[in-house]
Amino acid sequence: MTEDEAPRLRIRVLIADDQDLVRYGMRLVLEAEDDIVVVGEASDGSSAIGAAMRLRPDVILMDVRMPGTNGIDATRELSTRLPRARVLVLTTYDLDEYAFGALRAGAAGFLLKNTKPAELVAAIRTVATGDAVTSPRLTSKLIEVALPQLAPQSPDLQDDALAVLTERERDVFVQVGRGLTNTEIAAALHLSESTVKAHFGRILVKLDVPNRVQAVILAYELGIVRAGD
């Protein structure tokens, strides 16, 4: 069997949403893909936590507004108890305190529920590889509206955090905080895109952040990027 003929590992997905019809629709979309398998469903945050601990999914599709334990609290607990699982938040709203709170709790990204099926599938594949995902429109709002409300940490904490980065890694970190893609960073810093990816991978490890969204949030918290930059 050649490498191309070898079967790909299937991405194990858990769907958490309080609406039966939404879960059913997502299952239909995802199970049409050869590399994705839906391993379970949950109708609230508490059952999502239990199912995730039992089934060990790669990706959890998490509704933020559910009865009982909401999606934010469930995401926060799972980011601690099951850090290798990637939570992808689905929200009906453009950007609100729930979606932003889920990102602060450790979600790998968020999408609107009216996202096209192909975009949902692509997002699952993206977060399954360890990257983060948000729709461009929501990323813009995150940077322009929500992140400037964060209170920067003290200069000493900023110095301690940035001391582990090389000068070039700091340059890349600043551009990531401004919301630039790897392609845009490469153009801005006159680097190849592969070099930017390598720098960013080291930044995630050194700063102990799981993905791009959390790196953007940290950049604002450290004060190296501010509103209007």
C-alpha atoms as a PDB file:
ATOM      1  CA  MET A   1       0.000   0.000   0.000  1.00  0.00           C
ATOM      2  CA  THR A   2       1.404   3.378  -1.000  1.00  0.00           C
ATOM      3  CA  GLU A   3       1.345   6.466   1.220  1.00  0.00           C
ATOM      4  CA  ASP A   4      -1.478   7.947  -0.877  1.00  0.00           C
ATOM      5  CA  GLU A   5      -3.498   4.742  -0.529  1.00  0.00           C
ATOM      6  CA  ALA A   6      -3.039   4.477   3.242  1.00  0.00           C
ATOM      7  CA  PRO A   7      -6.191   5.392   5.166  1.00  0.00           C
ATOM      8  CA  ARG A   8      -6.105   8.727   6.991  1.00  0.00           C
ATOM      9  CA  LEU A   9      -6.772   8.867  10.705  1.00  0.00           C
ATOM     10  CA  ARG A  10     -10.329   9.988  11.269  1.00  0.00           C
ATOM     11  CA  ILE A  11     -11.016  13.104  13.325  1.00  0.00           C
ATOM     12  CA  ARG A  12     -13.209  12.199  16.286  1.00  0.00           C
ATOM     13  CA  VAL A  13     -15.858  14.866  16.909  1.00  0.00           C
ATOM     14  CA  LEU A  14     -18.257  15.444  19.805  1.00  0.00           C
ATOM     15  CA  ILE A  15     -21.266  17.709  19.170  1.00  0.00           C
ATOM     16  CA  ALA A  16     -22.609  19.693  22.154  1.00  0.00           C
ATOM     17  CA  ASP A  17     -25.784  21.698  21.501  1.00  0.00           C
ATOM     18  CA  ASP A  18     -29.122  21.890  23.298  1.00  0.00           C
ATOM     19  CA  GLN A  19     -31.120  21.758  20.049  1.00  0.00           C
ATOM     20  CA  ASP A  20     -31.762  18.291  18.660  1.00  0.00           C
ATOM     21  CA  LEU A  21     -32.195  19.553  15.116  1.00  0.00           C
ATOM     22  CA  VAL A  22     -28.875  21.404  15.172  1.00  0.00           C
ATOM     23  CA  ARG A  23     -27.031  18.313  16.362  1.00  0.00           C
ATOM     24  CA  TYR A  24     -28.756  16.187  13.737  1.00  0.00           C
ATOM     25  CA  GLY A  25     -27.858  18.605  10.954  1.00  0.00           C
ATOM     26  CA  MET A  26     -24.217  18.791  12.012  1.00  0.00           C
ATOM     27  CA  ARG A  27     -23.998  15.016  12.218  1.00  0.00           C
ATOM     28  CA  LEU A  28     -25.334  14.671   8.665  1.00  0.00           C
ATOM     29  CA  VAL A  29     -22.779  17.167   7.369  1.00  0.00           C
ATOM     30  CA  LEU A  30     -19.819  15.664   9.187  1.00  0.00           C
ATOM     31  CA  GLU A  31     -20.555  12.009   8.578  1.00  0.00           C
ATOM     32  CA  ALA A  32     -20.504  12.681   4.835  1.00  0.00           C
ATOM     33  CA  GLU A  33     -16.737  13.237   5.203  1.00  0.00           C
ATOM     34  CA  ASP A  34     -14.386  10.262   4.999  1.00  0.00           C
ATOM     35  CA  ASP A  35     -11.939  11.649   7.554  1.00  0.00           C
ATOM     36  CA  ILE A  36     -14.443  12.701  10.255  1.00  0.00           C
ATOM     37  CA  VAL A  37     -16.498  10.558  12.612  1.00  0.00           C
ATOM     38  CA  VAL A  38     -19.050  11.833  15.152  1.00  0.00           C
ATOM     39  CA  VAL A  39     -18.368   9.846  18.322  1.00  0.00           C
ATOM     40  CA  GLY A  40     -21.107  11.365  20.477  1.00  0.00           C
ATOM     41  CA  GLU A  41     -23.564  14.137  21.266  1.00  0.00           C
ATOM     42  CA  ALA A  42     -24.424  16.196  24.347  1.00  0.00           C
ATOM     43  CA  SER A  43     -27.310  18.563  25.092  1.00  0.00           C
ATOM     44  CA  ASP A  44     -25.672  20.668  27.820  1.00  0.00           C
ATOM     45  CA  GLY A  45     -22.273  21.573  29.202  1.00  0.00           C
ATOM     46  CA  SER A  46     -22.258  19.016  32.001  1.00  0.00           C
ATOM     47  CA  SER A  47     -23.035  16.104  29.704  1.00  0.00           C
ATOM     48  CA  ALA A  48     -20.488  17.477  27.210  1.00  0.00           C
ATOM     49  CA  ILE A  49     -17.775  17.276  29.866  1.00  0.00           C
ATOM     50  CA  GLY A  50     -18.760  13.735  30.795  1.00  0.00           C
ATOM     51  CA  ALA A  51     -18.959  12.581  27.185  1.00  0.00           C
ATOM     52  CA  ALA A  52     -15.621  14.193  26.336  1.00  0.00           C
ATOM     53  CA  MET A  53     -13.866  12.510  29.259  1.00  0.00           C
ATOM     54  CA  ARG A  54     -15.347   9.170  28.253  1.00  0.00           C
ATOM     55  CA  LEU A  55     -15.012   9.371  24.454  1.00  0.00           C
ATOM     56  CA  ARG A  56     -11.789  11.427  24.146  1.00  0.00           C
ATOM     57  CA  PRO A  57     -12.723  13.341  20.974  1.00  0.00           C
ATOM     58  CA  ASP A  58     -10.199  15.314  18.960  1.00  0.00           C
ATOM     59  CA  VAL A  59     -12.608  18.217  18.406  1.00  0.00           C
ATOM     60  CA  ILE A  60     -15.639  19.351  20.396  1.00  0.00           C
ATOM     61  CA  LEU A  61     -18.260  21.526  18.702  1.00  0.00           C
ATOM     62  CA  MET A  62     -19.549  23.570  21.640  1.00  0.00           C
ATOM     63  CA  ASP A  63     -22.649  25.739  21.758  1.00  0.00           C
ATOM     64  CA  VAL A  64     -22.020  28.587  24.206  1.00  0.00           C
ATOM     65  CA  ARG A  65     -25.600  29.036  25.417  1.00  0.00           C
ATOM     66  CA  MET A  66     -26.911  25.826  26.936  1.00  0.00           C
ATOM     67  CA  PRO A  67     -28.987  25.071  30.046  1.00  0.00           C
ATOM     68  CA  GLY A  68     -27.181  24.161  33.242  1.00  0.00           C
ATOM     69  CA  THR A  69     -23.450  24.288  32.665  1.00  0.00           C
ATOM     70  CA  ASN A  70     -22.908  26.670  29.752  1.00  0.00           C
ATOM     71  CA  GLY A  71     -20.390  26.287  26.979  1.00  0.00           C
ATOM     72  CA  ILE A  72     -17.897  28.693  28.542  1.00  0.00           C
ATOM     73  CA  ASP A  73     -17.673  26.812  31.835  1.00  0.00           C
ATOM     74  CA  ALA A  74     -17.548  23.497  30.006  1.00  0.00           C
ATOM     75  CA  THR A  75     -14.737  24.781  27.786  1.00  0.00           C
ATOM     76  CA  ARG A  76     -12.785  26.059  30.785  1.00  0.00           C
ATOM     77  CA  GLU A  77     -13.026  22.711  32.564  1.00  0.00           C
ATOM     78  CA  LEU A  78     -12.150  20.704  29.474  1.00  0.00           C
ATOM     79  CA  SER A  79      -9.140  22.889  28.688  1.00  0.00           C
ATOM     80  CA  THR A  80      -7.768  21.770  32.060  1.00  0.00           C
ATOM     81  CA  ARG A  81      -8.954  18.165  32.198  1.00  0.00           C
ATOM     82  CA  LEU A  82      -8.619  17.307  28.509  1.00  0.00           C
ATOM     83  CA  PRO A  83      -6.159  19.817  27.022  1.00  0.00           C
ATOM     84  CA  ARG A  84      -5.518  17.828  23.830  1.00  0.00           C
ATOM     85  CA  ALA A  85      -9.170  18.114  22.779  1.00  0.00           C
ATOM     86  CA  ARG A  86      -9.849  21.207  20.663  1.00  0.00           C
ATOM     87  CA  VAL A  87     -13.023  23.149  21.405  1.00  0.00           C
ATOM     88  CA  LEU A  88     -14.625  24.938  18.468  1.00  0.00           C
ATOM     89  CA  VAL A  89     -17.358  27.272  19.677  1.00  0.00           C
ATOM     90  CA  LEU A  90     -20.470  27.772  17.584  1.00  0.00           C
ATOM     91  CA  THR A  91     -22.593  30.823  18.310  1.00  0.00           C
ATOM     92  CA  THR A  92     -25.708  32.396  16.828  1.00  0.00           C
ATOM     93  CA  TYR A  93     -24.393  35.863  17.594  1.00  0.00           C
ATOM     94  CA  ASP A  94     -21.794  37.934  15.810  1.00  0.00           C
ATOM     95  CA  LEU A  95     -19.615  38.511  18.842  1.00  0.00           C
ATOM     96  CA  ASP A  96     -20.754  38.750  22.425  1.00  0.00           C
ATOM     97  CA  GLU A  97     -19.403  38.161  25.905  1.00  0.00           C
ATOM     98  CA  TYR A  98     -20.180  34.458  25.554  1.00  0.00           C
ATOM     99  CA  ALA A  99     -18.041  33.914  22.483  1.00  0.00           C
ATOM    100  CA  PHE A 100     -15.204  36.026  23.847  1.00  0.00           C
ATOM    101  CA  GLY A 101     -15.478  34.309  27.221  1.00  0.00           C
ATOM    102  CA  ALA A 102     -15.147  30.927  25.534  1.00  0.00           C
ATOM    103  CA  LEU A 103     -11.935  32.055  23.861  1.00  0.00           C
ATOM    104  CA  ARG A 104     -10.579  33.252  27.185  1.00  0.00           C
ATOM    105  CA  ALA A 105     -11.539  29.859  28.619  1.00  0.00           C
ATOM    106  CA  GLY A 106      -9.343  28.085  26.082  1.00  0.00           C
ATOM    107  CA  ALA A 107     -11.411  27.505  22.940  1.00  0.00           C
ATOM    108  CA  ALA A 108      -9.421  27.044  19.738  1.00  0.00           C
ATOM    109  CA  GLY A 109     -11.814  29.253  17.794  1.00  0.00           C
ATOM    110  CA  PHE A 110     -15.399  30.148  17.075  1.00  0.00           C
ATOM    111  CA  LEU A 111     -17.751  30.275  14.117  1.00  0.00           C
ATOM    112  CA  LEU A 112     -21.288  31.432  13.515  1.00  0.00           C
ATOM    113  CA  LYS A 113     -23.942  28.731  13.340  1.00  0.00           C
ATOM    114  CA  ASN A 114     -24.895  29.885   9.864  1.00  0.00           C
ATOM    115  CA  THR A 115     -21.402  29.017   8.626  1.00  0.00           C
ATOM    116  CA  LYS A 116     -21.516  27.029   5.397  1.00  0.00           C
ATOM    117  CA  PRO A 117     -21.033  23.258   5.784  1.00  0.00           C
ATOM    118  CA  ALA A 118     -17.757  23.277   3.831  1.00  0.00           C
ATOM    119  CA  GLU A 119     -16.377  26.005   6.124  1.00  0.00           C
ATOM    120  CA  LEU A 120     -17.384  24.041   9.215  1.00  0.00           C
ATOM    121  CA  VAL A 121     -15.629  20.935   7.941  1.00  0.00           C
ATOM    122  CA  ALA A 122     -12.527  22.966   7.079  1.00  0.00           C
ATOM    123  CA  ALA A 123     -12.533  24.537  10.547  1.00  0.00           C
ATOM    124  CA  ILE A 124     -12.682  21.129  12.213  1.00  0.00           C
ATOM    125  CA  ARG A 125      -9.731  19.935  10.177  1.00  0.00           C
ATOM    126  CA  THR A 126      -7.816  23.093  11.058  1.00  0.00           C
ATOM    127  CA  VAL A 127      -8.289  22.911  14.827  1.00  0.00           C
ATOM    128  CA  ALA A 128      -7.627  19.170  14.787  1.00  0.00           C
ATOM    129  CA  THR A 129      -4.083  19.930  13.616  1.00  0.00           C
ATOM    130  CA  GLY A 130      -3.565  22.236  16.601  1.00  0.00           C
ATOM    131  CA  ASP A 131      -4.162  25.556  14.877  1.00  0.00           C
ATOM    132  CA  ALA A 132      -6.872  28.071  15.742  1.00  0.00           C
ATOM    133  CA  VAL A 133      -9.726  29.305  13.621  1.00  0.00           C
ATOM    134  CA  THR A 134     -12.167  32.174  13.549  1.00  0.00           C
ATOM    135  CA  SER A 135     -14.058  33.633  10.641  1.00  0.00           C
ATOM    136  CA  PRO A 136     -12.319  36.767   9.261  1.00  0.00           C
ATOM    137  CA  ARG A 137     -15.262  38.989  10.222  1.00  0.00           C
ATOM    138  CA  LEU A 138     -15.311  37.718  13.797  1.00  0.00           C
ATOM    139  CA  THR A 139     -11.530  37.950  14.137  1.00  0.00           C
ATOM    140  CA  SER A 140     -11.749  41.605  13.103  1.00  0.00           C
ATOM    141  CA  LYS A 141     -14.409  42.276  15.723  1.00  0.00           C
ATOM    142  CA  LEU A 142     -12.437  40.398  18.361  1.00  0.00           C
ATOM    143  CA  ILE A 143      -9.460  42.676  17.800  1.00  0.00           C
ATOM    144  CA  GLU A 144     -11.396  45.932  17.378  1.00  0.00           C
ATOM    145  CA  VAL A 145     -14.046  45.538  20.067  1.00  0.00           C
ATOM    146  CA  ALA A 146     -13.283  42.933  22.689  1.00  0.00           C
ATOM    147  CA  LEU A 147      -9.505  42.800  23.089  1.00  0.00           C
ATOM    148  CA  PRO A 148      -8.945  46.527  23.748  1.00  0.00           C
ATOM    149  CA  GLN A 149     -11.029  46.091  26.905  1.00  0.00           C
ATOM    150  CA  LEU A 150      -8.367  43.863  28.429  1.00  0.00           C
ATOM    151  CA  ALA A 151      -6.245  45.424  31.140  1.00  0.00           C
ATOM    152  CA  PRO A 152      -2.534  45.137  30.267  1.00  0.00           C
ATOM    153  CA  GLN A 153      -0.363  43.334  32.791  1.00  0.00           C
ATOM    154  CA  SER A 154       2.489  45.041  34.615  1.00  0.00           C
ATOM    155  CA  PRO A 155       5.684  45.938  32.704  1.00  0.00           C
ATOM    156  CA  ASP A 156       7.618  43.419  34.819  1.00  0.00           C
ATOM    157  CA  LEU A 157       5.359  40.589  33.675  1.00  0.00           C
ATOM    158  CA  GLN A 158       5.735  41.768  30.098  1.00  0.00           C
ATOM    159  CA  ASP A 159       9.524  41.773  30.378  1.00  0.00           C
ATOM    160  CA  ASP A 160       9.539  38.297  31.935  1.00  0.00           C
ATOM    161  CA  ALA A 161       7.299  36.881  29.221  1.00  0.00           C
ATOM    162  CA  LEU A 162       9.157  38.446  26.308  1.00  0.00           C
ATOM    163  CA  ALA A 163      12.611  37.619  27.683  1.00  0.00           C
ATOM    164  CA  VAL A 164      12.258  34.051  26.427  1.00  0.00           C
ATOM    165  CA  LEU A 165      11.718  35.228  22.834  1.00  0.00           C
ATOM    166  CA  THR A 166      14.383  36.171  20.337  1.00  0.00           C
ATOM    167  CA  GLU A 167      14.178  39.581  18.705  1.00  0.00           C
ATOM    168  CA  ARG A 168      12.713  38.111  15.521  1.00  0.00           C
ATOM    169  CA  GLU A 169      10.199  36.055  17.497  1.00  0.00           C
ATOM    170  CA  ARG A 170       9.069  39.234  19.244  1.00  0.00           C
ATOM    171  CA  ASP A 171       8.575  40.893  15.855  1.00  0.00           C
ATOM    172  CA  VAL A 172       6.426  37.993  14.718  1.00  0.00           C
ATOM    173  CA  PHE A 173       4.497  37.953  18.008  1.00  0.00           C
ATOM    174  CA  VAL A 174       3.596  41.625  17.625  1.00  0.00           C
ATOM    175  CA  GLN A 175       2.263  41.039  14.106  1.00  0.00           C
ATOM    176  CA  VAL A 176       0.257  38.026  15.283  1.00  0.00           C
ATOM    177  CA  GLY A 177      -1.235  40.224  17.999  1.00  0.00           C
ATOM    178  CA  ARG A 178      -2.279  42.733  15.355  1.00  0.00           C
ATOM    179  CA  GLY A 179      -4.273  39.995  13.634  1.00  0.00           C
ATOM    180  CA  LEU A 180      -2.048  39.438  10.610  1.00  0.00           C
ATOM    181  CA  THR A 181      -1.945  36.070   8.870  1.00  0.00           C
ATOM    182  CA  ASN A 182       1.342  34.226   8.318  1.00  0.00           C
ATOM    183  CA  THR A 183       1.331  35.395   4.698  1.00  0.00           C
ATOM    184  CA  GLU A 184       0.864  39.022   5.743  1.00  0.00           C
ATOM    185  CA  ILE A 185       3.548  38.725   8.432  1.00  0.00           C
ATOM    186  CA  ALA A 186       5.966  37.270   5.902  1.00  0.00           C
ATOM    187  CA  ALA A 187       5.401  40.249   3.609  1.00  0.00           C
ATOM    188  CA  ALA A 188       5.670  42.790   6.433  1.00  0.00           C
ATOM    189  CA  LEU A 189       8.911  41.345   7.849  1.00  0.00           C
ATOM    190  CA  HIS A 190      10.415  40.258   4.508  1.00  0.00           C
ATOM    191  CA  LEU A 191      10.527  36.607   5.511  1.00  0.00           C
ATOM    192  CA  SER A 192       9.361  33.418   3.865  1.00  0.00           C
ATOM    193  CA  GLU A 193       6.035  32.064   5.059  1.00  0.00           C
ATOM    194  CA  SER A 194       7.713  28.839   6.234  1.00  0.00           C
ATOM    195  CA  THR A 195      10.093  30.892   8.386  1.00  0.00           C
ATOM    196  CA  VAL A 196       7.158  32.747   9.944  1.00  0.00           C
ATOM    197  CA  LYS A 197       5.458  29.433  10.710  1.00  0.00           C
ATOM    198  CA  ALA A 198       8.614  28.138  12.361  1.00  0.00           C
ATOM    199  CA  HIS A 199       8.977  31.283  14.488  1.00  0.00           C
ATOM    200  CA  PHE A 200       5.317  31.153  15.489  1.00  0.00           C
ATOM    201  CA  GLY A 201       5.575  27.506  16.484  1.00  0.00           C
ATOM    202  CA  ARG A 202       8.427  28.363  18.840  1.00  0.00           C
ATOM    203  CA  ILE A 203       6.473  31.333  20.225  1.00  0.00           C
ATOM    204  CA  LEU A 204       3.552  29.074  21.174  1.00  0.00           C
ATOM    205  CA  VAL A 205       5.892  26.700  22.998  1.00  0.00           C
ATOM    206  CA  LYS A 206       7.893  29.396  24.782  1.00  0.00           C
ATOM    207  CA  LEU A 207       4.833  31.389  25.902  1.00  0.00           C
ATOM    208  CA  ASP A 208       2.833  28.235  26.698  1.00  0.00           C
ATOM    209  CA  VAL A 209      -0.217  29.202  24.644  1.00  0.00           C
ATOM    210  CA  PRO A 210      -2.125  26.543  22.669  1.00  0.00           C
ATOM    211  CA  ASN A 211      -3.085  28.408  19.518  1.00  0.00           C
ATOM    212  CA  ARG A 212      -3.215  31.668  17.571  1.00  0.00           C
ATOM    213  CA  VAL A 213      -6.334  33.033  19.253  1.00  0.00           C
ATOM    214  CA  GLN A 214      -4.766  32.672  22.694  1.00  0.00           C
ATOM    215  CA  ALA A 215      -1.573  34.290  21.385  1.00  0.00           C
ATOM    216  CA  VAL A 216      -3.566  37.335  20.215  1.00  0.00           C
ATOM    217  CA  ILE A 217      -5.237  37.600  23.617  1.00  0.00           C
ATOM    218  CA  LEU A 218      -1.871  37.320  25.394  1.00  0.00           C
ATOM    219  CA  ALA A 219      -0.388  40.048  23.185  1.00  0.00           C
ATOM    220  CA  TYR A 220      -3.100  42.433  24.409  1.00  0.00           C
ATOM    221  CA  GLU A 221      -2.786  41.317  28.022  1.00  0.00           C
ATOM    222  CA  LEU A 222       0.967  41.931  27.917  1.00  0.00           C
ATOM    223  CA  GLY A 223       0.397  45.351  26.391  1.00  0.00           C
ATOM    224  CA  ILE A 224       2.669  44.808  23.392  1.00  0.00           C
ATOM    225  CA  VAL A 225      -0.316  45.491  21.141  1.00  0.00           C
ATOM    226  CA  ARG A 226      -2.892  48.163  21.945  1.00  0.00           C
ATOM    227  CA  ALA A 227      -6.126  49.405  20.446  1.00  0.00           C
ATOM    228  CA  GLY A 228      -5.457  51.374  17.277  1.00  0.00           C
ATOM    229  CA  ASP A 229      -2.087  49.750  16.514  1.00  0.00           C
END
